[in-house]
Amino acid sequence: MIKDEKTIEIKKNDASREVFSKSVKAGKRTYFFDVKRNRKNDLYLTVTESKKRFIGEGTIVFEKHKIFLYEEDFDNFKDALLEILDCVDELTEKESLCSFEIAENRRKEHTQKDFL
C-alpha cells in the first residue's frame, strides 16, 4: 500500500505537535499528561486516565477518559491544584497525628491494665 506524501506530512505534523509527555502508573490505572500545540501554535494540556478492563475470556480493553486544559486556564488550574494538594497534605498530617494519639492512648490503657 502506497501512502501519498500529504498523508505522511499530516502524520509528521501531528507528531511534532506534542511538546512534552509524562505517564504515571497507579495500580490498574495509568495517567498520561501530554503538553501539545494546536494549529495556531497555542499550548494545551491533555490529562488521560487509562484503565485496564478484562472482558470475557482473555479480552483486554482500555477505558479512557480525557480532559483538555487550555493555556489561558493554566494558572488558575495550577493554583487550584496546589491548594487542593496542600489541603490533602494537611488532612493527612492531622489524620496521622490522630492515629498516633489513638494508638498511644490504647498503649497507655493496656499498660495500665497490666499493672492492675
Protein backbone atom coordinates (compact mmCIF):
# COMPACT_ATOMS: atom_id res chain seq x y z
CA MET A 1 0.00 0.00 0.00
CA ILE A 2 1.43 3.35 -1.02
CA LYS A 3 0.72 6.40 1.13
CA ASP A 4 0.68 9.76 -0.52
CA GLU A 5 3.06 12.49 0.65
CA LYS A 6 0.22 14.60 2.06
CA THR A 7 -0.86 11.79 4.46
CA ILE A 8 2.73 11.29 5.60
CA GLU A 9 3.14 15.06 6.16
CA ILE A 10 -0.08 15.28 8.22
CA LYS A 11 1.07 12.43 10.48
CA LYS A 12 4.51 14.04 10.79
CA ASN A 13 2.89 17.36 11.80
CA ASP A 14 0.65 15.63 14.37
CA ALA A 15 3.69 14.00 15.99
CA SER A 16 5.61 17.29 16.08
CA ARG A 17 2.73 18.99 17.95
CA GLU A 18 3.50 17.01 21.10
CA VAL A 19 5.81 19.10 23.28
CA PHE A 20 6.13 17.01 26.44
CA SER A 21 4.68 13.79 27.79
CA LYS A 22 4.71 12.11 31.20
CA SER A 23 2.95 8.97 32.40
CA VAL A 24 2.16 7.89 35.95
CA LYS A 25 1.21 4.29 36.76
CA ALA A 26 -1.21 3.86 39.66
CA GLY A 27 -2.38 0.28 40.12
CA LYS A 28 -4.71 -0.69 37.28
CA ARG A 29 -4.74 2.89 36.03
CA THR A 30 -2.22 4.91 34.07
CA TYR A 31 -2.37 8.69 33.81
CA PHE A 32 -0.90 10.44 30.80
CA PHE A 33 -0.03 14.13 30.90
CA ASP A 34 0.64 15.50 27.43
CA VAL A 35 1.55 19.06 26.50
CA LYS A 36 0.74 19.79 22.87
CA ARG A 37 0.40 22.66 20.44
CA ASN A 38 -2.69 23.28 18.34
CA ARG A 39 -2.71 24.52 14.75
CA LYS A 40 -2.41 28.11 15.98
CA ASN A 41 0.68 27.06 17.96
CA ASP A 42 -1.10 27.58 21.32
CA LEU A 43 -0.22 25.21 24.14
CA TYR A 44 -2.75 22.91 25.77
CA LEU A 45 -2.61 20.00 28.19
CA THR A 46 -4.43 16.71 27.97
CA VAL A 47 -4.81 14.51 31.03
CA THR A 48 -5.86 10.97 30.15
CA GLU A 49 -6.83 8.26 32.59
CA SER A 50 -6.47 4.80 31.07
CA LYS A 51 -7.92 1.88 32.98
CA LYS A 52 -7.35 -1.76 32.05
CA ARG A 53 -10.54 -3.84 31.92
CA PHE A 54 -10.97 -7.55 31.31
CA ILE A 55 -13.98 -8.55 29.25
CA GLY A 56 -14.80 -12.17 28.71
CA GLU A 57 -12.05 -14.73 28.42
CA GLY A 58 -8.70 -13.08 27.94
CA THR A 59 -10.02 -9.96 26.19
CA ILE A 60 -8.42 -6.78 27.47
CA VAL A 61 -9.77 -3.32 26.74
CA PHE A 62 -8.60 0.06 27.92
CA GLU A 63 -11.23 2.51 29.12
CA LYS A 64 -10.04 6.08 28.62
CA HIS A 65 -11.20 9.41 29.99
CA LYS A 66 -9.61 12.63 28.85
CA ILE A 67 -9.73 16.29 29.85
CA PHE A 68 -8.32 19.20 27.92
CA LEU A 69 -6.85 22.21 29.65
CA TYR A 70 -6.10 25.29 27.57
CA GLU A 71 -3.22 27.70 28.03
CA GLU A 72 -5.37 30.58 29.29
CA ASP A 73 -6.51 28.37 32.18
CA PHE A 74 -3.09 27.03 33.25
CA ASP A 75 -2.52 29.50 36.10
CA ASN A 76 -5.98 29.03 37.63
CA PHE A 77 -5.72 25.25 37.32
CA LYS A 78 -2.24 25.24 38.87
CA ASP A 79 -3.37 27.45 41.78
CA ALA A 80 -6.41 25.26 42.47
CA LEU A 81 -4.38 22.04 42.23
CA LEU A 82 -1.70 23.34 44.60
CA GLU A 83 -4.37 24.48 47.07
CA ILE A 84 -6.03 21.07 46.95
CA LEU A 85 -2.72 19.24 47.43
CA ASP A 86 -1.86 21.46 50.41
CA CYS A 87 -5.25 20.63 51.92
CA VAL A 88 -4.67 16.90 51.35
CA ASP A 89 -1.24 17.16 53.00
CA GLU A 90 -2.74 18.99 55.97
CA LEU A 91 -5.56 16.45 56.35
CA THR A 92 -3.15 13.54 56.02
CA GLU A 93 -0.87 15.06 58.65
CA LYS A 94 -3.81 15.60 61.03
CA GLU A 95 -5.06 12.05 60.46
CA SER A 96 -1.56 10.69 61.10
CA LEU A 97 -1.36 12.66 64.35
CA CYS A 98 -4.83 11.46 65.37
CA SER A 99 -3.90 7.87 64.57
CA PHE A 100 -0.70 8.25 66.57
CA GLU A 101 -2.60 9.73 69.53
CA ILE A 102 -5.21 6.94 69.41
CA ALA A 103 -2.50 4.28 69.29
CA GLU A 104 -0.62 5.97 72.12
CA ASN A 105 -3.79 6.14 74.27
CA ARG A 106 -4.50 2.45 73.61
CA ARG A 107 -0.95 1.57 74.55
CA LYS A 108 -1.29 3.52 77.80
CA GLU A 109 -4.63 1.82 78.58
CA HIS A 110 -3.11 -1.62 78.06
CA THR A 111 -0.07 -0.73 80.09
CA GLN A 112 -2.24 0.49 82.98
CA LYS A 113 -4.34 -2.71 82.86
CA ASP A 114 -1.20 -4.82 83.02
CA PHE A 115 -0.26 -3.24 86.34
CA LEU A 116 -3.69 -3.70 87.94
